[in-house]
Amino acid sequence: LPAAAKRDLMVSLITLKYTQSNSVAYAV
């Protein structure tokens, strides 16, 4: 799991925190 992927996964998860459930987010 490279550093860039860790960053992108955090971007994805934090974005999800402020959506309406159910939620999925792709990031790069």
mmCIF file of all heavy atoms, coordinates in Angstrom:
data_MODEL
# 
_entry.id   MODEL 
# 
loop_
_atom_site.group_PDB 
_atom_site.id 
_atom_site.type_symbol 
_atom_site.label_atom_id 
_atom_site.label_alt_id 
_atom_site.label_comp_id 
_atom_site.label_asym_id 
_atom_site.label_entity_id 
_atom_site.label_seq_id 
_atom_site.pdbx_PDB_ins_code 
_atom_site.Cartn_x 
_atom_site.Cartn_y 
_atom_site.Cartn_z 
_atom_site.occupancy 
_atom_site.B_iso_or_equiv 
_atom_site.pdbx_formal_charge 
_atom_site.auth_seq_id 
_atom_site.auth_comp_id 
_atom_site.auth_asym_id 
_atom_site.auth_atom_id 
_atom_site.pdbx_PDB_model_num 
ATOM 1   N N   . LEU A 1 1  ? 0.854   -1.193 0.000  1.00 0.00 ? 1  LEU A N   1 
ATOM 2   C CA  . LEU A 1 1  ? 0.000   0.000  0.000  1.00 0.00 ? 1  LEU A CA  1 
ATOM 3   C C   . LEU A 1 1  ? 0.887   1.240  0.000  1.00 0.00 ? 1  LEU A C   1 
ATOM 4   O O   . LEU A 1 1  ? 1.362   1.687  1.047  1.00 0.00 ? 1  LEU A O   1 
ATOM 5   C CB  . LEU A 1 1  ? -0.909  -0.012 1.234  1.00 0.00 ? 1  LEU A CB  1 
ATOM 6   C CG  . LEU A 1 1  ? -1.986  1.071  1.311  1.00 0.00 ? 1  LEU A CG  1 
ATOM 7   C CD1 . LEU A 1 1  ? -2.957  0.970  0.140  1.00 0.00 ? 1  LEU A CD1 1 
ATOM 8   C CD2 . LEU A 1 1  ? -2.734  0.981  2.637  1.00 0.00 ? 1  LEU A CD2 1 
ATOM 9   N N   . PRO A 1 2  ? 1.134   1.827  -1.165 1.00 0.00 ? 2  PRO A N   1 
ATOM 10  C CA  . PRO A 1 2  ? 2.037   2.987  -1.245 1.00 0.00 ? 2  PRO A CA  1 
ATOM 11  C C   . PRO A 1 2  ? 1.444   4.219  -0.584 1.00 0.00 ? 2  PRO A C   1 
ATOM 12  O O   . PRO A 1 2  ? 0.244   4.307  -0.332 1.00 0.00 ? 2  PRO A O   1 
ATOM 13  C CB  . PRO A 1 2  ? 2.212   3.189  -2.752 1.00 0.00 ? 2  PRO A CB  1 
ATOM 14  C CG  . PRO A 1 2  ? 1.038   2.529  -3.384 1.00 0.00 ? 2  PRO A CG  1 
ATOM 15  C CD  . PRO A 1 2  ? 0.633   1.409  -2.488 1.00 0.00 ? 2  PRO A CD  1 
ATOM 16  N N   . ALA A 1 3  ? 2.307   5.210  -0.327 1.00 0.00 ? 3  ALA A N   1 
ATOM 17  C CA  . ALA A 1 3  ? 1.893   6.436  0.363  1.00 0.00 ? 3  ALA A CA  1 
ATOM 18  C C   . ALA A 1 3  ? 0.785   7.167  -0.393 1.00 0.00 ? 3  ALA A C   1 
ATOM 19  O O   . ALA A 1 3  ? -0.148  7.699  0.218  1.00 0.00 ? 3  ALA A O   1 
ATOM 20  C CB  . ALA A 1 3  ? 3.097   7.350  0.558  1.00 0.00 ? 3  ALA A CB  1 
ATOM 21  N N   . ALA A 1 4  ? 0.882   7.202  -1.731 1.00 0.00 ? 4  ALA A N   1 
ATOM 22  C CA  . ALA A 1 4  ? -0.135  7.905  -2.524 1.00 0.00 ? 4  ALA A CA  1 
ATOM 23  C C   . ALA A 1 4  ? -1.504  7.245  -2.367 1.00 0.00 ? 4  ALA A C   1 
ATOM 24  O O   . ALA A 1 4  ? -2.534  7.931  -2.298 1.00 0.00 ? 4  ALA A O   1 
ATOM 25  C CB  . ALA A 1 4  ? 0.265   7.941  -3.992 1.00 0.00 ? 4  ALA A CB  1 
ATOM 26  N N   . ALA A 1 5  ? -1.519  5.906  -2.285 1.00 0.00 ? 5  ALA A N   1 
ATOM 27  C CA  . ALA A 1 5  ? -2.786  5.193  -2.109 1.00 0.00 ? 5  ALA A CA  1 
ATOM 28  C C   . ALA A 1 5  ? -3.360  5.449  -0.722 1.00 0.00 ? 5  ALA A C   1 
ATOM 29  O O   . ALA A 1 5  ? -4.583  5.582  -0.557 1.00 0.00 ? 5  ALA A O   1 
ATOM 30  C CB  . ALA A 1 5  ? -2.590  3.703  -2.347 1.00 0.00 ? 5  ALA A CB  1 
ATOM 31  N N   . LYS A 1 6  ? -2.492  5.521  0.291  1.00 0.00 ? 6  LYS A N   1 
ATOM 32  C CA  . LYS A 1 6  ? -2.969  5.850  1.639  1.00 0.00 ? 6  LYS A CA  1 
ATOM 33  C C   . LYS A 1 6  ? -3.626  7.224  1.651  1.00 0.00 ? 6  LYS A C   1 
ATOM 34  O O   . LYS A 1 6  ? -4.699  7.419  2.230  1.00 0.00 ? 6  LYS A O   1 
ATOM 35  C CB  . LYS A 1 6  ? -1.811  5.812  2.631  1.00 0.00 ? 6  LYS A CB  1 
ATOM 36  C CG  . LYS A 1 6  ? -1.255  4.420  2.907  1.00 0.00 ? 6  LYS A CG  1 
ATOM 37  C CD  . LYS A 1 6  ? -0.092  4.487  3.887  1.00 0.00 ? 6  LYS A CD  1 
ATOM 38  C CE  . LYS A 1 6  ? 0.508   3.103  4.143  1.00 0.00 ? 6  LYS A CE  1 
ATOM 39  N NZ  . LYS A 1 6  ? 1.662   3.179  5.082  1.00 0.00 ? 6  LYS A NZ  1 
ATOM 40  N N   . ARG A 1 7  ? -2.972  8.181  1.012  1.00 0.00 ? 7  ARG A N   1 
ATOM 41  C CA  . ARG A 1 7  ? -3.550  9.534  0.912  1.00 0.00 ? 7  ARG A CA  1 
ATOM 42  C C   . ARG A 1 7  ? -4.913  9.487  0.226  1.00 0.00 ? 7  ARG A C   1 
ATOM 43  O O   . ARG A 1 7  ? -5.894  10.085 0.697  1.00 0.00 ? 7  ARG A O   1 
ATOM 44  C CB  . ARG A 1 7  ? -2.602  10.430 0.122  1.00 0.00 ? 7  ARG A CB  1 
ATOM 45  C CG  . ARG A 1 7  ? -3.127  11.830 -0.174 1.00 0.00 ? 7  ARG A CG  1 
ATOM 46  C CD  . ARG A 1 7  ? -2.382  12.434 -1.354 1.00 0.00 ? 7  ARG A CD  1 
ATOM 47  N NE  . ARG A 1 7  ? -2.584  11.651 -2.556 1.00 0.00 ? 7  ARG A NE  1 
ATOM 48  C CZ  . ARG A 1 7  ? -1.748  11.632 -3.604 1.00 0.00 ? 7  ARG A CZ  1 
ATOM 49  N NH1 . ARG A 1 7  ? -0.651  12.364 -3.583 1.00 0.00 ? 7  ARG A NH1 1 
ATOM 50  N NH2 . ARG A 1 7  ? -2.012  10.888 -4.670 1.00 0.00 ? 7  ARG A NH2 1 
ATOM 51  N N   . ASP A 1 8  ? -5.000  8.772  -0.877 1.00 0.00 ? 8  ASP A N   1 
ATOM 52  C CA  . ASP A 1 8  ? -6.245  8.721  -1.633 1.00 0.00 ? 8  ASP A CA  1 
ATOM 53  C C   . ASP A 1 8  ? -7.351  8.010  -0.868 1.00 0.00 ? 8  ASP A C   1 
ATOM 54  O O   . ASP A 1 8  ? -8.522  8.400  -0.939 1.00 0.00 ? 8  ASP A O   1 
ATOM 55  C CB  . ASP A 1 8  ? -6.009  8.037  -2.985 1.00 0.00 ? 8  ASP A CB  1 
ATOM 56  C CG  . ASP A 1 8  ? -5.089  8.837  -3.887 1.00 0.00 ? 8  ASP A CG  1 
ATOM 57  O OD1 . ASP A 1 8  ? -4.904  10.048 -3.637 1.00 0.00 ? 8  ASP A OD1 1 
ATOM 58  O OD2 . ASP A 1 8  ? -4.530  8.239  -4.837 1.00 0.00 ? 8  ASP A OD2 1 
ATOM 59  N N   . LEU A 1 9  ? -6.999  6.961  -0.130 1.00 0.00 ? 9  LEU A N   1 
ATOM 60  C CA  . LEU A 1 9  ? -8.001  6.274  0.677  1.00 0.00 ? 9  LEU A CA  1 
ATOM 61  C C   . LEU A 1 9  ? -8.528  7.186  1.782  1.00 0.00 ? 9  LEU A C   1 
ATOM 62  O O   . LEU A 1 9  ? -9.726  7.177  2.088  1.00 0.00 ? 9  LEU A O   1 
ATOM 63  C CB  . LEU A 1 9  ? -7.421  4.985  1.273  1.00 0.00 ? 9  LEU A CB  1 
ATOM 64  C CG  . LEU A 1 9  ? -7.216  3.838  0.281  1.00 0.00 ? 9  LEU A CG  1 
ATOM 65  C CD1 . LEU A 1 9  ? -6.448  2.695  0.928  1.00 0.00 ? 9  LEU A CD1 1 
ATOM 66  C CD2 . LEU A 1 9  ? -8.554  3.327  -0.269 1.00 0.00 ? 9  LEU A CD2 1 
ATOM 67  N N   . MET A 1 10 ? -7.648  7.989  2.377  1.00 0.00 ? 10 MET A N   1 
ATOM 68  C CA  . MET A 1 10 ? -8.108  8.941  3.394  1.00 0.00 ? 10 MET A CA  1 
ATOM 69  C C   . MET A 1 10 ? -9.008  10.009 2.778  1.00 0.00 ? 10 MET A C   1 
ATOM 70  O O   . MET A 1 10 ? -10.025 10.397 3.363  1.00 0.00 ? 10 MET A O   1 
ATOM 71  C CB  . MET A 1 10 ? -6.911  9.571  4.105  1.00 0.00 ? 10 MET A CB  1 
ATOM 72  C CG  . MET A 1 10 ? -6.200  8.618  5.055  1.00 0.00 ? 10 MET A CG  1 
ATOM 73  S SD  . MET A 1 10 ? -4.962  9.427  6.089  1.00 0.00 ? 10 MET A SD  1 
ATOM 74  C CE  . MET A 1 10 ? -3.714  9.855  4.877  1.00 0.00 ? 10 MET A CE  1 
ATOM 75  N N   . VAL A 1 11 ? -8.648  10.490 1.587  1.00 0.00 ? 11 VAL A N   1 
ATOM 76  C CA  . VAL A 1 11 ? -9.500  11.449 0.883  1.00 0.00 ? 11 VAL A CA  1 
ATOM 77  C C   . VAL A 1 11 ? -10.876 10.839 0.644  1.00 0.00 ? 11 VAL A C   1 
ATOM 78  O O   . VAL A 1 11 ? -11.916 11.480 0.865  1.00 0.00 ? 11 VAL A O   1 
ATOM 79  C CB  . VAL A 1 11 ? -8.852  11.871 -0.450 1.00 0.00 ? 11 VAL A CB  1 
ATOM 80  C CG1 . VAL A 1 11 ? -9.861  12.585 -1.359 1.00 0.00 ? 11 VAL A CG1 1 
ATOM 81  C CG2 . VAL A 1 11 ? -7.652  12.774 -0.195 1.00 0.00 ? 11 VAL A CG2 1 
ATOM 82  N N   . SER A 1 12 ? -10.892 9.597  0.218  1.00 0.00 ? 12 SER A N   1 
ATOM 83  C CA  . SER A 1 12 ? -12.148 8.902  -0.045 1.00 0.00 ? 12 SER A CA  1 
ATOM 84  C C   . SER A 1 12 ? -12.982 8.759  1.228  1.00 0.00 ? 12 SER A C   1 
ATOM 85  O O   . SER A 1 12 ? -14.173 9.080  1.249  1.00 0.00 ? 12 SER A O   1 
ATOM 86  C CB  . SER A 1 12 ? -11.845 7.518  -0.641 1.00 0.00 ? 12 SER A CB  1 
ATOM 87  O OG  . SER A 1 12 ? -13.014 6.743  -0.731 1.00 0.00 ? 12 SER A OG  1 
ATOM 88  N N   . LEU A 1 13 ? -12.368 8.296  2.317  1.00 0.00 ? 13 LEU A N   1 
ATOM 89  C CA  . LEU A 1 13 ? -13.110 8.030  3.544  1.00 0.00 ? 13 LEU A CA  1 
ATOM 90  C C   . LEU A 1 13 ? -13.617 9.314  4.200  1.00 0.00 ? 13 LEU A C   1 
ATOM 91  O O   . LEU A 1 13 ? -14.741 9.358  4.722  1.00 0.00 ? 13 LEU A O   1 
ATOM 92  C CB  . LEU A 1 13 ? -12.229 7.249  4.528  1.00 0.00 ? 13 LEU A CB  1 
ATOM 93  C CG  . LEU A 1 13 ? -11.867 5.821  4.104  1.00 0.00 ? 13 LEU A CG  1 
ATOM 94  C CD1 . LEU A 1 13 ? -10.838 5.225  5.059  1.00 0.00 ? 13 LEU A CD1 1 
ATOM 95  C CD2 . LEU A 1 13 ? -13.109 4.934  4.043  1.00 0.00 ? 13 LEU A CD2 1 
ATOM 96  N N   . ILE A 1 14 ? -12.809 10.366 4.174  1.00 0.00 ? 14 ILE A N   1 
ATOM 97  C CA  . ILE A 1 14 ? -13.257 11.632 4.755  1.00 0.00 ? 14 ILE A CA  1 
ATOM 98  C C   . ILE A 1 14 ? -14.380 12.231 3.919  1.00 0.00 ? 14 ILE A C   1 
ATOM 99  O O   . ILE A 1 14 ? -15.353 12.783 4.454  1.00 0.00 ? 14 ILE A O   1 
ATOM 100 C CB  . ILE A 1 14 ? -12.075 12.612 4.900  1.00 0.00 ? 14 ILE A CB  1 
ATOM 101 C CG1 . ILE A 1 14 ? -11.085 12.069 5.943  1.00 0.00 ? 14 ILE A CG1 1 
ATOM 102 C CG2 . ILE A 1 14 ? -12.569 13.999 5.322  1.00 0.00 ? 14 ILE A CG2 1 
ATOM 103 C CD1 . ILE A 1 14 ? -9.776  12.830 6.003  1.00 0.00 ? 14 ILE A CD1 1 
ATOM 104 N N   . THR A 1 15 ? -14.296 12.114 2.614  1.00 0.00 ? 15 THR A N   1 
ATOM 105 C CA  . THR A 1 15 ? -15.392 12.565 1.753  1.00 0.00 ? 15 THR A CA  1 
ATOM 106 C C   . THR A 1 15 ? -16.676 11.831 2.113  1.00 0.00 ? 15 THR A C   1 
ATOM 107 O O   . THR A 1 15 ? -17.751 12.438 2.223  1.00 0.00 ? 15 THR A O   1 
ATOM 108 C CB  . THR A 1 15 ? -15.042 12.332 0.271  1.00 0.00 ? 15 THR A CB  1 
ATOM 109 O OG1 . THR A 1 15 ? -13.867 13.073 -0.065 1.00 0.00 ? 15 THR A OG1 1 
ATOM 110 C CG2 . THR A 1 15 ? -16.192 12.768 -0.636 1.00 0.00 ? 15 THR A CG2 1 
ATOM 111 N N   . LEU A 1 16 ? -16.571 10.510 2.325  1.00 0.00 ? 16 LEU A N   1 
ATOM 112 C CA  . LEU A 1 16 ? -17.751 9.708  2.661  1.00 0.00 ? 16 LEU A CA  1 
ATOM 113 C C   . LEU A 1 16 ? -18.398 10.144 3.965  1.00 0.00 ? 16 LEU A C   1 
ATOM 114 O O   . LEU A 1 16 ? -19.617 10.054 4.130  1.00 0.00 ? 16 LEU A O   1 
ATOM 115 C CB  . LEU A 1 16 ? -17.357 8.232  2.783  1.00 0.00 ? 16 LEU A CB  1 
ATOM 116 C CG  . LEU A 1 16 ? -16.944 7.516  1.503  1.00 0.00 ? 16 LEU A CG  1 
ATOM 117 C CD1 . LEU A 1 16 ? -16.481 6.106  1.819  1.00 0.00 ? 16 LEU A CD1 1 
ATOM 118 C CD2 . LEU A 1 16 ? -18.094 7.477  0.512  1.00 0.00 ? 16 LEU A CD2 1 
ATOM 119 N N   . LYS A 1 17 ? -17.588 10.600 4.888  1.00 0.00 ? 17 LYS A N   1 
ATOM 120 C CA  . LYS A 1 17 ? -18.110 10.997 6.207  1.00 0.00 ? 17 LYS A CA  1 
ATOM 121 C C   . LYS A 1 17 ? -19.148 12.107 6.089  1.00 0.00 ? 17 LYS A C   1 
ATOM 122 O O   . LYS A 1 17 ? -19.999 12.258 6.967  1.00 0.00 ? 17 LYS A O   1 
ATOM 123 C CB  . LYS A 1 17 ? -16.941 11.441 7.095  1.00 0.00 ? 17 LYS A CB  1 
ATOM 124 C CG  . LYS A 1 17 ? -17.311 11.691 8.551  1.00 0.00 ? 17 LYS A CG  1 
ATOM 125 C CD  . LYS A 1 17 ? -16.082 12.021 9.373  1.00 0.00 ? 17 LYS A CD  1 
ATOM 126 C CE  . LYS A 1 17 ? -16.435 12.365 10.810 1.00 0.00 ? 17 LYS A CE  1 
ATOM 127 N NZ  . LYS A 1 17 ? -15.244 12.744 11.605 1.00 0.00 ? 17 LYS A NZ  1 
ATOM 128 N N   . TYR A 1 18 ? -19.091 12.880 5.002  1.00 0.00 ? 18 TYR A N   1 
ATOM 129 C CA  . TYR A 1 18 ? -19.999 14.010 4.848  1.00 0.00 ? 18 TYR A CA  1 
ATOM 130 C C   . TYR A 1 18 ? -20.976 13.832 3.688  1.00 0.00 ? 18 TYR A C   1 
ATOM 131 O O   . TYR A 1 18 ? -21.473 14.806 3.126  1.00 0.00 ? 18 TYR A O   1 
ATOM 132 C CB  . TYR A 1 18 ? -19.184 15.302 4.731  1.00 0.00 ? 18 TYR A CB  1 
ATOM 133 C CG  . TYR A 1 18 ? -18.461 15.557 6.030  1.00 0.00 ? 18 TYR A CG  1 
ATOM 134 C CD1 . TYR A 1 18 ? -17.136 15.169 6.194  1.00 0.00 ? 18 TYR A CD1 1 
ATOM 135 C CD2 . TYR A 1 18 ? -19.134 16.085 7.124  1.00 0.00 ? 18 TYR A CD2 1 
ATOM 136 C CE1 . TYR A 1 18 ? -16.484 15.341 7.403  1.00 0.00 ? 18 TYR A CE1 1 
ATOM 137 C CE2 . TYR A 1 18 ? -18.495 16.262 8.333  1.00 0.00 ? 18 TYR A CE2 1 
ATOM 138 C CZ  . TYR A 1 18 ? -17.169 15.882 8.465  1.00 0.00 ? 18 TYR A CZ  1 
ATOM 139 O OH  . TYR A 1 18 ? -16.538 16.041 9.686  1.00 0.00 ? 18 TYR A OH  1 
ATOM 140 N N   . THR A 1 19 ? -21.239 12.575 3.342  1.00 0.00 ? 19 THR A N   1 
ATOM 141 C CA  . THR A 1 19 ? -22.297 12.267 2.373  1.00 0.00 ? 19 THR A CA  1 
ATOM 142 C C   . THR A 1 19 ? -23.484 11.669 3.121  1.00 0.00 ? 19 THR A C   1 
ATOM 143 O O   . THR A 1 19 ? -23.457 11.489 4.328  1.00 0.00 ? 19 THR A O   1 
ATOM 144 C CB  . THR A 1 19 ? -21.803 11.243 1.339  1.00 0.00 ? 19 THR A CB  1 
ATOM 145 O OG1 . THR A 1 19 ? -21.416 10.043 2.035  1.00 0.00 ? 19 THR A OG1 1 
ATOM 146 C CG2 . THR A 1 19 ? -20.629 11.765 0.550  1.00 0.00 ? 19 THR A CG2 1 
ATOM 147 N N   . GLN A 1 20 ? -24.519 11.335 2.375  1.00 0.00 ? 20 GLN A N   1 
ATOM 148 C CA  . GLN A 1 20 ? -25.663 10.618 2.929  1.00 0.00 ? 20 GLN A CA  1 
ATOM 149 C C   . GLN A 1 20 ? -25.469 9.122  2.678  1.00 0.00 ? 20 GLN A C   1 
ATOM 150 O O   . GLN A 1 20 ? -25.159 8.707  1.568  1.00 0.00 ? 20 GLN A O   1 
ATOM 151 C CB  . GLN A 1 20 ? -26.950 11.096 2.267  1.00 0.00 ? 20 GLN A CB  1 
ATOM 152 C CG  . GLN A 1 20 ? -27.182 12.600 2.337  1.00 0.00 ? 20 GLN A CG  1 
ATOM 153 C CD  . GLN A 1 20 ? -27.310 13.116 3.747  1.00 0.00 ? 20 GLN A CD  1 
ATOM 154 O OE1 . GLN A 1 20 ? -28.209 12.725 4.481  1.00 0.00 ? 20 GLN A OE1 1 
ATOM 155 N NE2 . GLN A 1 20 ? -26.401 13.987 4.153  1.00 0.00 ? 20 GLN A NE2 1 
ATOM 156 N N   . SER A 1 21 ? -25.667 8.282  3.707  1.00 0.00 ? 21 SER A N   1 
ATOM 157 C CA  . SER A 1 21 ? -25.534 6.827  3.528  1.00 0.00 ? 21 SER A CA  1 
ATOM 158 C C   . SER A 1 21 ? -26.599 6.340  2.542  1.00 0.00 ? 21 SER A C   1 
ATOM 159 O O   . SER A 1 21 ? -27.675 6.921  2.465  1.00 0.00 ? 21 SER A O   1 
ATOM 160 C CB  . SER A 1 21 ? -25.744 6.118  4.863  1.00 0.00 ? 21 SER A CB  1 
ATOM 161 O OG  . SER A 1 21 ? -24.746 6.466  5.790  1.00 0.00 ? 21 SER A OG  1 
ATOM 162 N N   . ASN A 1 22 ? -26.370 5.217  1.865  1.00 0.00 ? 22 ASN A N   1 
ATOM 163 C CA  . ASN A 1 22 ? -25.113 4.502  1.706  1.00 0.00 ? 22 ASN A CA  1 
ATOM 164 C C   . ASN A 1 22 ? -24.172 5.300  0.794  1.00 0.00 ? 22 ASN A C   1 
ATOM 165 O O   . ASN A 1 22 ? -24.632 6.021  -0.072 1.00 0.00 ? 22 ASN A O   1 
ATOM 166 C CB  . ASN A 1 22 ? -25.356 3.129  1.079  1.00 0.00 ? 22 ASN A CB  1 
ATOM 167 C CG  . ASN A 1 22 ? -26.083 2.169  1.992  1.00 0.00 ? 22 ASN A CG  1 
ATOM 168 O OD1 . ASN A 1 22 ? -25.783 2.053  3.161  1.00 0.00 ? 22 ASN A OD1 1 
ATOM 169 N ND2 . ASN A 1 22 ? -27.065 1.456  1.429  1.00 0.00 ? 22 ASN A ND2 1 
ATOM 170 N N   . SER A 1 23 ? -22.865 5.080  0.946  1.00 0.00 ? 23 SER A N   1 
ATOM 171 C CA  . SER A 1 23 ? -21.932 5.883  0.164  1.00 0.00 ? 23 SER A CA  1 
ATOM 172 C C   . SER A 1 23 ? -20.693 5.090  -0.225 1.00 0.00 ? 23 SER A C   1 
ATOM 173 O O   . SER A 1 23 ? -20.199 4.275  0.547  1.00 0.00 ? 23 SER A O   1 
ATOM 174 C CB  . SER A 1 23 ? -21.486 7.112  0.952  1.00 0.00 ? 23 SER A CB  1 
ATOM 175 O OG  . SER A 1 23 ? -22.580 7.890  1.354  1.00 0.00 ? 23 SER A OG  1 
ATOM 176 N N   . VAL A 1 24 ? -20.200 5.397  -1.428 1.00 0.00 ? 24 VAL A N   1 
ATOM 177 C CA  . VAL A 1 24 ? -18.948 4.856  -1.948 1.00 0.00 ? 24 VAL A CA  1 
ATOM 178 C C   . VAL A 1 24 ? -18.240 5.985  -2.670 1.00 0.00 ? 24 VAL A C   1 
ATOM 179 O O   . VAL A 1 24 ? -18.889 6.799  -3.335 1.00 0.00 ? 24 VAL A O   1 
ATOM 180 C CB  . VAL A 1 24 ? -19.204 3.676  -2.914 1.00 0.00 ? 24 VAL A CB  1 
ATOM 181 C CG1 . VAL A 1 24 ? -17.936 3.299  -3.660 1.00 0.00 ? 24 VAL A CG1 1 
ATOM 182 C CG2 . VAL A 1 24 ? -19.745 2.463  -2.167 1.00 0.00 ? 24 VAL A CG2 1 
ATOM 183 N N   . ALA A 1 25 ? -16.917 6.060  -2.526 1.00 0.00 ? 25 ALA A N   1 
ATOM 184 C CA  . ALA A 1 25 ? -16.163 7.118  -3.218 1.00 0.00 ? 25 ALA A CA  1 
ATOM 185 C C   . ALA A 1 25 ? -14.885 6.554  -3.811 1.00 0.00 ? 25 ALA A C   1 
ATOM 186 O O   . ALA A 1 25 ? -14.164 5.805  -3.146 1.00 0.00 ? 25 ALA A O   1 
ATOM 187 C CB  . ALA A 1 25 ? -15.832 8.263  -2.264 1.00 0.00 ? 25 ALA A CB  1 
ATOM 188 N N   . TYR A 1 26 ? -14.619 6.896  -5.060 1.00 0.00 ? 26 TYR A N   1 
ATOM 189 C CA  . TYR A 1 26 ? -13.382 6.561  -5.755 1.00 0.00 ? 26 TYR A CA  1 
ATOM 190 C C   . TYR A 1 26 ? -12.465 7.781  -5.686 1.00 0.00 ? 26 TYR A C   1 
ATOM 191 O O   . TYR A 1 26 ? -12.937 8.918  -5.795 1.00 0.00 ? 26 TYR A O   1 
ATOM 192 C CB  . TYR A 1 26 ? -13.642 6.236  -7.227 1.00 0.00 ? 26 TYR A CB  1 
ATOM 193 C CG  . TYR A 1 26 ? -14.470 5.010  -7.495 1.00 0.00 ? 26 TYR A CG  1 
ATOM 194 C CD1 . TYR A 1 26 ? -15.812 4.926  -7.142 1.00 0.00 ? 26 TYR A CD1 1 
ATOM 195 C CD2 . TYR A 1 26 ? -13.916 3.915  -8.168 1.00 0.00 ? 26 TYR A CD2 1 
ATOM 196 C CE1 . TYR A 1 26 ? -16.574 3.809  -7.425 1.00 0.00 ? 26 TYR A CE1 1 
ATOM 197 C CE2 . TYR A 1 26 ? -14.672 2.787  -8.461 1.00 0.00 ? 26 TYR A CE2 1 
ATOM 198 C CZ  . TYR A 1 26 ? -16.004 2.743  -8.091 1.00 0.00 ? 26 TYR A CZ  1 
ATOM 199 O OH  . TYR A 1 26 ? -16.756 1.627  -8.370 1.00 0.00 ? 26 TYR A OH  1 
ATOM 200 N N   . ALA A 1 27 ? -11.162 7.563  -5.529 1.00 0.00 ? 27 ALA A N   1 
ATOM 201 C CA  . ALA A 1 27 ? -10.225 8.684  -5.438 1.00 0.00 ? 27 ALA A CA  1 
ATOM 202 C C   . ALA A 1 27 ? -8.898  8.331  -6.092 1.00 0.00 ? 27 ALA A C   1 
ATOM 203 O O   . ALA A 1 27 ? -8.495  7.162  -6.112 1.00 0.00 ? 27 ALA A O   1 
ATOM 204 C CB  . ALA A 1 27 ? -9.995  9.080  -3.974 1.00 0.00 ? 27 ALA A CB  1 
ATOM 205 N N   . VAL A 1 28 ? -8.237  9.369  -6.603 1.00 0.00 ? 28 VAL A N   1 
ATOM 206 C CA  . VAL A 1 28 ? -6.900  9.206  -7.174 1.00 0.00 ? 28 VAL A CA  1 
ATOM 207 C C   . VAL A 1 28 ? -6.224  10.576 -7.185 1.00 0.00 ? 28 VAL A C   1 
ATOM 208 O O   . VAL A 1 28 ? -6.900  11.613 -7.275 1.00 0.00 ? 28 VAL A O   1 
ATOM 209 C CB  . VAL A 1 28 ? -6.959  8.607  -8.598 1.00 0.00 ? 28 VAL A CB  1 
ATOM 210 C CG1 . VAL A 1 28 ? -7.496  9.608  -9.610 1.00 0.00 ? 28 VAL A CG1 1 
ATOM 211 C CG2 . VAL A 1 28 ? -5.608  8.058  -9.031 1.00 0.00 ? 28 VAL A CG2 1 
# 
